[in-house]
Protein backbone atom coordinates (compact mmCIF):
# COMPACT_ATOMS: atom_id res chain seq x y z
CA MET A 1 -55.66 102.32 -51.89
CA ASN A 2 -55.86 104.15 -54.48
CA ASN A 3 -58.23 102.94 -56.68
CA LYS A 4 -57.39 105.41 -60.21
CA THR A 5 -57.14 102.94 -62.81
CA LEU A 6 -53.30 104.01 -64.37
CA SER A 7 -52.76 103.74 -67.93
CA ALA A 8 -50.06 101.64 -69.97
CA ALA A 9 -47.60 104.78 -69.67
CA GLU A 10 -48.52 105.65 -66.03
CA ILE A 11 -47.73 102.17 -64.70
CA SER A 12 -44.21 102.52 -67.13
CA GLN A 13 -43.33 105.34 -64.91
CA ASN A 14 -43.21 103.01 -62.26
CA ILE A 15 -40.57 100.55 -63.24
CA SER A 16 -37.71 99.70 -61.36
CA LYS A 17 -35.13 98.76 -62.76
CA LYS A 18 -32.63 98.75 -59.96
CA LEU A 19 -31.57 95.45 -57.77
CA LEU A 20 -31.45 96.08 -53.92
CA ILE A 21 -28.57 94.34 -52.07
CA ASN A 22 -27.12 95.49 -48.42
CA GLY A 23 -29.77 98.44 -48.34
CA LYS A 24 -28.74 100.21 -51.54
CA PHE A 25 -29.92 100.10 -54.96
CA VAL A 26 -27.49 99.05 -57.40
CA ASP A 27 -27.43 98.50 -61.30
CA GLY A 28 -27.27 94.80 -62.36
CA LEU A 29 -23.73 94.03 -63.85
CA GLY A 30 -24.67 91.04 -65.54
CA ASP A 31 -23.78 90.12 -69.34
CA ASP A 32 -27.01 89.27 -70.90
CA GLN A 33 -29.41 91.72 -71.04
CA ILE A 34 -33.24 90.86 -69.59
CA VAL A 35 -35.97 91.98 -71.93
CA VAL A 36 -39.39 91.79 -70.23
CA THR A 37 -42.15 91.41 -72.67
CA ASN A 38 -46.08 92.36 -72.80
CA PRO A 39 -47.82 89.23 -73.53
CA TYR A 40 -51.02 91.35 -74.81
CA ASN A 41 -49.12 92.54 -77.87
CA ASN A 42 -45.49 90.85 -77.66
CA GLN A 43 -44.01 93.93 -77.53
CA PRO A 44 -40.91 94.46 -75.15
CA ILE A 45 -41.78 96.58 -72.15
CA VAL A 46 -38.14 96.81 -70.58
CA SER A 47 -34.51 95.70 -70.72
CA LEU A 48 -33.08 95.18 -67.04
CA SER A 49 -29.42 94.29 -66.03
CA PRO A 50 -29.77 90.73 -64.07
CA ALA A 51 -27.13 90.19 -61.09
CA SER A 52 -23.33 89.31 -61.74
CA SER A 53 -21.89 86.29 -59.71
CA SER A 54 -20.32 88.66 -57.64
CA GLN A 55 -23.43 90.40 -56.77
CA VAL A 56 -25.09 87.10 -56.24
CA GLU A 57 -22.09 86.63 -53.45
CA SER A 58 -22.58 90.07 -51.83
CA ALA A 59 -26.14 90.02 -51.56
CA ILE A 60 -25.77 86.51 -49.92
CA GLN A 61 -23.18 87.45 -47.79
CA ALA A 62 -25.11 90.86 -46.83
CA ALA A 63 -28.31 88.53 -45.85
CA HIS A 64 -25.82 86.09 -43.79
CA THR A 65 -24.18 88.88 -42.32
CA ALA A 66 -27.67 91.30 -41.30
CA PHE A 67 -29.02 87.48 -39.55
CA LYS A 68 -25.90 87.93 -37.36
CA ASN A 69 -26.23 91.45 -36.50
CA PRO A 70 -27.60 92.48 -33.46
CA SER A 71 -29.94 95.07 -35.09
CA TRP A 72 -32.12 91.98 -36.58
CA LYS A 73 -30.85 89.18 -33.98
CA SER A 74 -32.16 90.85 -31.07
CA LEU A 75 -35.37 92.20 -32.25
CA THR A 76 -38.54 90.65 -30.75
CA GLY A 77 -41.10 89.12 -32.72
CA ARG A 78 -43.51 91.91 -32.09
CA ALA A 79 -41.09 94.20 -33.58
CA ARG A 80 -40.99 92.16 -36.87
CA GLY A 81 -44.22 91.94 -36.85
CA LYS A 82 -44.93 95.66 -36.75
CA LEU A 83 -42.17 96.08 -39.74
CA LEU A 84 -44.39 93.22 -41.87
CA PHE A 85 -47.58 95.56 -40.83
CA LYS A 86 -45.65 98.56 -42.23
CA LEU A 87 -45.04 96.83 -45.47
CA ALA A 88 -48.36 95.63 -45.61
CA GLN A 89 -49.74 99.39 -45.25
CA LEU A 90 -47.16 100.37 -48.02
CA VAL A 91 -48.36 97.21 -50.61
CA ASP A 92 -51.72 98.52 -49.59
CA ARG A 93 -51.33 102.08 -50.73
CA ASP A 94 -48.97 100.88 -53.72
CA THR A 95 -51.91 98.60 -55.10
CA GLU A 96 -52.98 100.18 -58.31
CA ILE A 97 -48.73 100.39 -59.36
CA LEU A 98 -48.33 96.89 -58.23
CA ALA A 99 -51.29 95.50 -59.90
CA GLY A 100 -50.89 97.67 -63.30
CA LEU A 101 -46.77 96.21 -63.02
CA GLU A 102 -48.16 92.63 -62.81
CA SER A 103 -50.63 93.16 -65.29
CA LEU A 104 -48.81 94.49 -67.84
CA ASP A 105 -45.91 91.63 -67.76
CA THR A 106 -47.78 88.21 -67.05
CA GLY A 107 -51.62 89.45 -69.01
CA ILE A 108 -53.07 88.86 -65.75
CA PRO A 109 -56.17 91.01 -65.89
CA ILE A 110 -56.31 94.07 -63.88
CA ARG A 111 -59.22 92.91 -62.09
CA GLU A 112 -57.31 89.56 -60.80
CA THR A 113 -54.21 91.30 -59.84
CA ARG A 114 -55.70 93.89 -57.92
CA MET A 115 -57.06 91.19 -55.60
CA GLU A 116 -53.64 89.63 -55.83
CA ILE A 117 -52.36 92.65 -54.38
CA SER A 118 -54.49 92.73 -51.66
CA THR A 119 -53.95 89.15 -50.69
CA SER A 120 -50.33 90.15 -50.30
CA VAL A 121 -51.57 92.22 -47.94
CA LEU A 122 -53.18 89.76 -45.76
CA HIS A 123 -50.63 87.48 -46.02
CA LEU A 124 -48.01 90.53 -44.73
CA GLU A 125 -50.94 91.03 -41.94
CA TYR A 126 -51.70 87.53 -41.09
CA PHE A 127 -48.16 86.86 -40.66
CA ALA A 128 -47.10 89.86 -39.39
CA GLY A 129 -49.60 88.85 -36.22
CA PHE A 130 -47.67 85.64 -35.89
CA ALA A 131 -44.23 86.79 -35.38
CA GLY A 132 -44.68 87.15 -31.71
CA LYS A 133 -46.43 83.81 -31.58
CA ILE A 134 -43.91 81.29 -31.97
CA GLU A 135 -43.77 78.63 -29.29
CA GLY A 136 -41.82 76.02 -28.34
CA THR A 137 -42.78 72.81 -25.69
CA TYR A 138 -41.81 71.83 -22.29
CA GLN A 139 -40.95 68.41 -20.87
CA ASP A 140 -40.79 67.15 -17.24
CA LEU A 141 -37.98 64.32 -17.22
CA GLY A 142 -38.14 63.86 -13.71
CA ASP A 143 -34.18 64.63 -12.69
CA ARG A 144 -34.05 66.69 -16.03
CA PHE A 145 -36.49 68.74 -17.98
CA ASN A 146 -36.47 69.25 -21.88
CA PHE A 147 -37.72 72.18 -23.44
CA VAL A 148 -37.38 73.09 -27.42
CA ARG A 149 -36.99 76.32 -29.27
CA ARG A 150 -38.23 77.13 -32.81
CA GLU A 151 -35.32 78.85 -34.31
CA PRO A 152 -34.96 80.47 -37.63
CA TYR A 153 -32.90 78.87 -40.14
CA GLY A 154 -30.57 82.10 -40.89
CA VAL A 155 -30.87 83.00 -44.99
CA ILE A 156 -33.83 81.79 -47.10
CA GLY A 157 -33.15 81.59 -50.73
CA GLN A 158 -36.70 82.42 -52.65
CA ILE A 159 -37.01 81.47 -56.18
CA VAL A 160 -40.12 83.50 -57.50
CA PRO A 161 -42.33 82.18 -60.32
CA TRP A 162 -43.79 84.29 -63.54
CA ASN A 163 -47.63 83.16 -62.67
CA THR A 164 -49.22 85.65 -59.97
CA PRO A 165 -45.67 86.19 -58.88
CA PHE A 166 -46.41 89.04 -55.81
CA LYS A 167 -48.59 86.91 -54.12
CA LEU A 168 -46.53 83.95 -54.74
CA MET A 169 -43.38 85.77 -53.31
CA ALA A 170 -45.72 87.72 -50.55
CA ARG A 171 -46.83 84.69 -48.65
CA GLY A 172 -43.41 82.69 -48.30
CA PHE A 173 -41.63 86.02 -47.67
CA ALA A 174 -43.87 86.81 -44.85
CA ALA A 175 -43.90 83.52 -43.20
CA ALA A 176 -40.29 83.50 -43.29
CA VAL A 177 -38.91 87.30 -42.12
CA ALA A 178 -41.75 86.46 -39.30
CA CYS A 179 -39.87 84.01 -38.00
CA GLY A 180 -36.58 85.93 -38.41
CA ASN A 181 -34.67 84.92 -40.96
CA THR A 182 -33.28 87.18 -43.70
CA MET A 183 -33.87 86.88 -47.18
CA VAL A 184 -32.32 86.47 -50.70
CA VAL A 185 -35.43 86.94 -53.23
CA LYS A 186 -35.35 86.10 -57.10
CA PRO A 187 -37.91 86.99 -59.04
CA SER A 188 -38.88 85.79 -62.29
CA ALA A 189 -36.79 86.86 -65.25
CA VAL A 190 -39.76 86.59 -67.65
CA ALA A 191 -42.35 88.67 -65.26
CA PRO A 192 -39.98 90.69 -62.28
CA LEU A 193 -41.52 94.20 -62.42
CA SER A 194 -43.98 94.06 -59.37
CA ILE A 195 -41.00 92.41 -57.01
CA MET A 196 -38.75 95.13 -58.28
CA ARG A 197 -40.94 97.41 -56.96
CA PHE A 198 -41.61 95.61 -53.96
CA ALA A 199 -37.91 96.56 -53.03
CA HIS A 200 -39.00 100.01 -52.76
CA LEU A 201 -40.99 99.41 -50.30
CA VAL A 202 -39.35 97.46 -48.40
CA ASP A 203 -36.41 99.89 -48.28
CA GLU A 204 -39.42 102.68 -47.40
CA ALA A 205 -40.78 100.29 -44.55
CA GLY A 206 -37.16 100.56 -42.79
CA PHE A 207 -36.14 96.79 -42.72
CA PRO A 208 -32.41 96.67 -41.57
CA PRO A 209 -29.39 96.71 -44.18
CA GLY A 210 -29.13 93.34 -45.76
CA THR A 211 -31.93 91.86 -44.22
CA VAL A 212 -33.84 91.45 -47.49
CA ASN A 213 -32.07 91.59 -51.20
CA ILE A 214 -33.91 91.36 -54.10
CA ILE A 215 -31.81 90.47 -56.99
CA LEU A 216 -32.48 89.56 -60.76
CA GLY A 217 -31.36 87.10 -63.41
CA THR A 218 -31.86 83.43 -64.94
CA GLY A 219 -33.05 80.13 -63.01
CA ARG A 220 -30.21 78.73 -64.62
CA THR A 221 -27.42 81.40 -63.27
CA VAL A 222 -28.74 83.25 -60.16
CA GLY A 223 -31.30 80.77 -59.08
CA LYS A 224 -28.53 78.01 -59.35
CA ALA A 225 -26.58 80.24 -57.51
CA ILE A 226 -28.45 80.87 -54.40
CA VAL A 227 -29.74 77.54 -54.18
CA GLU A 228 -26.21 75.80 -54.09
CA HIS A 229 -24.51 78.94 -51.94
CA PRO A 230 -23.40 77.23 -48.29
CA HIS A 231 -25.00 80.36 -46.46
CA VAL A 232 -28.27 79.78 -47.63
CA ARG A 233 -30.02 77.45 -45.37
CA LYS A 234 -33.11 77.15 -47.07
CA VAL A 235 -34.98 77.48 -50.25
CA ILE A 236 -38.57 78.48 -51.67
CA PHE A 237 -39.52 77.01 -55.06
CA THR A 238 -42.83 77.93 -56.96
CA GLY A 239 -43.01 76.42 -60.61
CA GLY A 240 -43.02 73.46 -62.50
CA THR A 241 -42.13 69.80 -61.27
CA GLU A 242 -39.18 69.76 -63.75
CA GLY A 243 -37.75 73.27 -61.98
CA GLY A 244 -38.25 71.60 -58.39
CA HIS A 245 -36.47 68.69 -59.32
CA GLU A 246 -33.47 70.68 -60.53
CA ILE A 247 -33.73 72.51 -57.08
CA MET A 248 -33.51 69.47 -55.27
CA GLN A 249 -30.41 68.09 -57.39
CA GLN A 250 -28.70 71.27 -56.73
CA ALA A 251 -29.66 71.69 -53.30
CA VAL A 252 -28.55 68.25 -51.76
CA ARG A 253 -24.80 69.44 -52.46
CA THR A 254 -25.35 71.45 -49.27
CA VAL A 255 -27.95 69.45 -47.75
CA THR A 256 -30.14 72.47 -47.78
CA PRO A 257 -34.26 72.05 -47.28
CA THR A 258 -36.56 73.19 -49.72
CA VAL A 259 -40.01 74.12 -49.81
CA LEU A 260 -41.76 73.48 -53.08
CA GLU A 261 -45.05 74.20 -54.61
CA LEU A 262 -44.86 72.27 -57.86
CA GLY A 263 -47.43 71.13 -60.76
CA GLY A 264 -51.33 70.02 -60.61
CA LYS A 265 -53.51 68.32 -62.43
CA GLY A 266 -56.84 68.94 -60.71
CA PRO A 267 -59.52 66.90 -60.81
CA ILE A 268 -62.97 68.24 -60.46
CA ILE A 269 -65.73 65.71 -59.09
CA VAL A 270 -69.25 66.61 -59.94
CA CYS A 271 -72.14 64.44 -58.12
CA ASN A 272 -75.34 63.93 -58.63
CA GLN A 273 -76.79 65.86 -55.68
CA ILE A 274 -75.85 69.49 -56.98
CA ASN A 275 -77.56 73.21 -58.02
CA MET A 276 -76.83 72.73 -61.35
CA ASP A 277 -76.17 76.40 -62.13
CA GLU A 278 -74.28 76.72 -58.95
CA ALA A 279 -71.96 73.64 -59.90
CA ILE A 280 -70.95 75.04 -63.49
CA ASP A 281 -70.36 78.53 -62.30
CA GLY A 282 -67.82 76.74 -59.74
CA VAL A 283 -66.60 74.47 -62.57
CA LEU A 284 -65.99 77.77 -64.77
CA THR A 285 -63.77 79.50 -62.59
CA GLN A 286 -62.15 76.60 -61.40
CA ALA A 287 -61.09 75.46 -64.60
CA PHE A 288 -60.18 79.17 -66.34
CA ALA A 289 -59.56 81.72 -63.66
CA ARG A 290 -56.42 83.61 -64.02
CA LYS A 291 -56.38 82.26 -67.63
CA SER A 292 -55.62 78.51 -65.96
CA GLU A 293 -51.80 79.26 -65.69
CA VAL A 294 -52.00 78.77 -62.00
CA CYS A 295 -50.83 74.86 -60.24
CA PHE A 296 -53.66 74.52 -58.55
CA ALA A 297 -56.22 74.78 -61.58
CA GLY A 298 -58.98 72.62 -62.18
CA SER A 299 -58.16 70.63 -65.41
CA ARG A 300 -59.96 67.18 -65.00
CA LEU A 301 -63.63 67.25 -65.06
CA PHE A 302 -65.68 64.08 -63.64
CA VAL A 303 -69.40 64.35 -64.29
CA PRO A 304 -71.95 61.74 -63.85
CA ARG A 305 -72.64 60.48 -67.28
CA ALA A 306 -76.37 61.28 -67.13
CA MET A 307 -75.26 64.36 -66.82
CA GLU A 308 -72.72 65.07 -69.00
CA VAL A 309 -74.50 66.53 -72.19
CA GLU A 310 -76.59 68.87 -70.28
CA PHE A 311 -73.56 70.19 -67.99
CA VAL A 312 -71.01 70.53 -70.68
CA GLU A 313 -73.30 72.35 -72.93
CA LYS A 314 -74.50 75.09 -70.14
CA LEU A 315 -70.52 75.32 -68.88
CA ALA A 316 -69.09 75.56 -72.64
CA ALA A 317 -71.83 78.56 -73.34
CA LYS A 318 -71.00 80.22 -70.68
CA ALA A 319 -67.00 79.70 -71.06
CA ALA A 320 -67.54 81.34 -74.41
CA LYS A 321 -69.08 84.66 -72.95
CA ILE A 322 -66.16 85.42 -70.68
CA PRO A 323 -64.45 88.53 -72.07
CA MET A 324 -61.21 88.51 -73.32
CA GLY A 325 -58.94 91.99 -73.94
CA ASP A 326 -56.30 94.19 -73.07
CA PRO A 327 -55.23 93.00 -69.18
CA LEU A 328 -55.43 96.56 -68.18
CA ASP A 329 -59.04 96.94 -69.06
CA PRO A 330 -61.32 96.07 -65.94
CA ALA A 331 -63.48 94.86 -68.50
CA THR A 332 -61.28 92.00 -69.12
CA GLN A 333 -61.62 89.00 -67.65
CA LEU A 334 -59.07 86.38 -69.34
CA GLY A 335 -56.06 88.17 -70.36
CA PRO A 336 -53.40 86.04 -72.80
CA LEU A 337 -51.10 83.48 -72.05
CA MET A 338 -47.44 83.99 -71.03
CA THR A 339 -45.67 83.41 -74.19
CA PRO A 340 -46.62 82.41 -77.56
CA GLU A 341 -44.64 79.00 -77.21
CA ARG A 342 -46.92 78.27 -74.70
CA VAL A 343 -50.04 78.49 -76.77
CA THR A 344 -48.44 76.68 -79.63
CA SER A 345 -47.31 73.75 -77.07
CA ILE A 346 -50.90 73.76 -75.29
CA LEU A 347 -52.60 73.39 -78.58
CA SER A 348 -50.37 70.73 -80.13
CA LEU A 349 -51.19 68.36 -76.65
CA VAL A 350 -55.06 69.44 -77.48
CA ASN A 351 -54.31 68.37 -80.92
CA ALA A 352 -52.43 65.33 -80.22
CA SER A 353 -55.45 64.42 -78.22
CA ILE A 354 -58.04 64.63 -81.18
CA LYS A 355 -55.55 62.04 -82.94
CA GLU A 356 -56.22 59.53 -80.29
CA GLY A 357 -59.80 60.24 -80.42
CA ALA A 358 -60.61 63.55 -78.24
CA LYS A 359 -63.40 66.05 -79.41
CA VAL A 360 -63.18 69.61 -79.08
CA TYR A 361 -66.57 70.72 -77.64
CA CYS A 362 -64.93 74.69 -78.03
CA GLY A 363 -62.22 76.70 -77.99
CA GLY A 364 -59.04 74.61 -79.00
CA GLU A 365 -57.28 77.08 -81.58
CA LYS A 366 -55.63 80.67 -80.99
CA SER A 367 -57.92 83.42 -81.16
CA SER A 368 -58.39 85.40 -84.29
CA ILE A 369 -60.93 87.99 -82.71
CA SER A 370 -59.96 91.79 -84.36
CA GLY A 371 -57.34 93.18 -81.87
CA LEU A 372 -56.38 89.84 -79.92
CA SER A 373 -54.38 88.33 -82.78
CA GLN A 374 -51.14 89.83 -81.72
CA GLY A 375 -51.37 88.26 -78.25
CA ASN A 376 -51.49 84.99 -76.79
CA PHE A 377 -55.03 84.55 -76.72
CA LEU A 378 -56.29 80.91 -76.54
CA PRO A 379 -60.18 80.83 -75.40
CA PRO A 380 -61.52 78.37 -73.04
CA THR A 381 -61.54 75.11 -74.39
CA ILE A 382 -63.47 72.09 -73.38
CA LEU A 383 -62.56 68.52 -74.73
CA THR A 384 -64.76 65.66 -74.25
CA ASN A 385 -64.61 62.04 -75.48
CA VAL A 386 -61.25 61.85 -73.32
CA THR A 387 -59.70 59.30 -71.07
CA ASN A 388 -57.55 59.47 -68.70
CA GLN A 389 -54.18 57.84 -70.31
CA MET A 390 -54.34 60.38 -72.46
CA THR A 391 -51.20 62.78 -72.72
CA VAL A 392 -53.79 65.94 -72.28
CA SER A 393 -55.16 64.25 -69.15
CA ARG A 394 -51.90 63.30 -67.53
CA GLU A 395 -49.53 66.79 -67.94
CA GLU A 396 -49.88 69.60 -66.75
CA LEU A 397 -51.08 72.22 -69.54
CA PHE A 398 -50.79 75.42 -67.69
CA GLY A 399 -53.79 76.50 -69.79
CA PRO A 400 -57.14 77.06 -70.50
CA VAL A 401 -58.15 73.45 -71.28
CA LEU A 402 -60.64 71.09 -69.41
CA CYS A 403 -61.43 67.57 -70.05
CA VAL A 404 -64.47 65.97 -69.25
CA MET A 405 -65.15 62.57 -68.10
CA PRO A 406 -67.92 61.29 -67.77
CA TYR A 407 -68.31 58.15 -64.65
CA ASP A 408 -70.92 55.87 -63.96
CA LYS A 409 -69.85 54.99 -60.29
CA LEU A 410 -68.34 57.98 -57.93
CA SER A 411 -65.71 55.24 -56.97
CA ASP A 412 -64.37 55.47 -60.24
CA ALA A 413 -64.15 59.40 -60.67
CA ILE A 414 -62.20 58.80 -57.28
CA ASP A 415 -59.88 55.85 -58.65
CA MET A 416 -59.68 58.25 -61.80
CA ALA A 417 -59.05 61.36 -59.65
CA ASN A 418 -56.35 59.74 -57.71
CA ASP A 419 -54.79 58.27 -61.08
CA SER A 420 -52.33 60.77 -61.68
CA ASP A 421 -48.89 61.74 -60.54
CA PHE A 422 -49.92 65.06 -59.12
CA GLY A 423 -51.80 65.96 -55.96
CA LEU A 424 -51.99 69.75 -55.15
CA ALA A 425 -55.59 70.93 -55.16
CA ALA A 426 -59.03 69.02 -55.82
CA TYR A 427 -62.58 70.04 -56.03
CA VAL A 428 -65.80 68.40 -55.45
CA TRP A 429 -69.47 69.47 -55.88
CA SER A 430 -72.19 67.75 -53.32
CA ASN A 431 -74.81 68.44 -51.47
CA ASP A 432 -74.79 65.23 -49.66
CA LEU A 433 -72.86 66.04 -46.42
CA ARG A 434 -71.33 62.49 -45.94
CA GLU A 435 -70.58 61.86 -49.69
CA SER A 436 -68.33 65.16 -49.87
CA HIS A 437 -66.49 64.37 -46.64
CA HIS A 438 -65.93 60.54 -48.26
CA ILE A 439 -64.46 61.93 -51.22
CA ALA A 440 -62.47 64.47 -49.79
CA ASP A 441 -61.04 61.74 -47.61
CA SER A 442 -60.43 59.59 -50.32
CA LEU A 443 -58.73 62.14 -52.70
CA GLU A 444 -54.74 61.70 -52.99
CA CYS A 445 -54.01 65.45 -52.34
CA GLY A 446 -52.68 68.14 -50.33
CA ASN A 447 -56.10 70.41 -50.33
CA VAL A 448 -59.95 69.98 -51.47
CA PHE A 449 -62.18 72.13 -52.02
CA LEU A 450 -65.83 71.08 -51.19
CA ASN A 451 -68.14 73.56 -53.17
CA SER A 452 -65.94 76.34 -53.18
CA TYR A 453 -62.24 77.91 -54.48
CA GLY A 454 -59.36 79.72 -53.67
CA TYR A 455 -57.09 79.80 -50.95
CA GLN A 456 -55.89 82.53 -48.52
CA SER A 457 -53.61 83.24 -45.47
CA GLU A 458 -55.28 80.90 -42.78
CA ILE A 459 -55.55 77.98 -44.75
CA PRO A 460 -52.72 75.86 -45.38
CA PHE A 461 -51.59 74.86 -48.93
CA GLY A 462 -49.32 72.70 -50.54
CA GLY A 463 -49.11 69.31 -52.68
CA TYR A 464 -48.63 65.37 -52.19
CA LYS A 465 -46.58 63.42 -54.64
CA LEU A 466 -44.77 65.21 -57.55
CA SER A 467 -46.74 68.48 -56.57
CA GLY A 468 -44.15 69.48 -53.53
CA ILE A 469 -42.94 69.44 -50.70
CA GLY A 470 -43.85 71.41 -47.12
CA ARG A 471 -46.94 74.04 -46.62
CA GLU A 472 -47.14 77.41 -47.23
CA HIS A 473 -49.96 79.30 -45.31
CA GLY A 474 -51.62 79.07 -41.79
CA SER A 475 -49.56 78.59 -38.65
CA VAL A 476 -47.93 75.43 -40.08
CA ALA A 477 -45.66 77.87 -42.35
CA MET A 478 -43.95 78.87 -39.06
CA HIS A 479 -42.79 75.36 -38.64
CA GLU A 480 -41.36 75.75 -42.48
CA TYR A 481 -39.00 78.77 -41.50
CA THR A 482 -38.02 77.60 -38.02
CA GLN A 483 -36.09 74.78 -37.00
CA VAL A 484 -35.95 72.80 -33.94
CA LYS A 485 -33.54 72.96 -30.74
CA SER A 486 -33.65 70.63 -28.17
CA ILE A 487 -32.39 71.70 -24.86
CA THR A 488 -32.24 69.26 -22.08
CA VAL A 489 -31.15 70.66 -18.19
CA GLY A 490 -29.99 68.58 -15.32
CA MET A 491 -31.61 69.69 -11.93
CA GLU A 492 -29.68 67.17 -9.85
CA ARG A 493 -25.80 66.29 -9.31
CA PHE A 494 -24.92 64.91 -12.05
CA LYS A 495 -23.60 60.74 -11.15
CA SER A 496 -20.56 59.55 -13.60
CA ARG A 497 -21.32 56.07 -15.14
CA PHE A 498 -17.88 55.39 -14.80
CA THR A 499 -16.68 53.66 -11.81
CA VAL A 500 -13.11 56.00 -11.69
């Protein structure tokens, strides 16, 4: 990996405007240009041409044909693993370019996008190792025996979000390809740069033509066409719950199964038996890392009433010191939100909560710091005097706003944590082993972190309730991207049930 920090001009030289369809790089032929904007200063970075409807059809047909082609169909799992591992090496080599592109169009600080690209390398390596380990089952039935094969679906359409796009693409992509599927990937029209560049690494790694296609467009047009196409046998979507509803409604027409990771409203439960300094550091990360533009952010803090004043005071003091600035500056730890509209929307909900009785402990307004006023900067915001029924506590804000709610009994904190339409990630701070396990067992969510934060390739990840369907990561992901075929073999002469 090259650790040299690149300038914005150097990063821009690596922007790719081409679509990858059937092994060839082509210009998009769609009508409406897509203007990619830098959230640091809201200035345009580049204008890109999306795929036309005929190009979407070509990409899907190419993936469908490639799936049936012996050059792909006959590849062993180990051979697919070698392709993925080669791709992982190329991504690792170009970490600085990919991280820079992602910081440029998402506003995520370079220190974090470097980590996200490195994590993506681990995803590719992890599933490269799994590619040769897809196994079925066997049952002895006396005069018959049955065995089960796990087979790839075929063409998988992947709709990638704008927040941490490269990593969220890499995890599903790696597992799906390891299982033998072919891909049509659509990056977000808002933040496509790292994935458009990734297409060149796919080509360099030597993937057969048509096995991986990367096309650009909006979700309403290109995304919809992918989901509704009869040759697309499964869909991967990461995004908001509203988008997930639309994907499911579109997919029902072709009875296409989906893997959905949707919204979250992560509870953080702080218990009495803790190391306060450690818990504060943990909550600070869980609530504000990656600008909180992640579905697994902790956004509701439940803290013992007797501890609330001291805990919030110390937490706010640290939050106020998080350096904001240019995402390409390695010193920056909190970048701008994606769009000006997102800042406005979040602050409108914060202001509505104030009318309902909430109090702004810190933050609560767009940054006016010199040099940041042109960007979409919202400082870490902590709200107190919040109830679990306020809109700010119910809806996913997708921004650095933490709602603090004191509790008297631990059972009350658990009840409030579960009183949500979402169930993706939850966080617990407790030095009591039995207590922490009791809380984990009681929480209605797909992922619980006890005195920890962050997921990785080996850890299954997905949600309960409105937070999604299916699981990414870990060995269970191999079940998401394969389907079961049951084969029964008779071992004795068959005797007819009819007496003719």
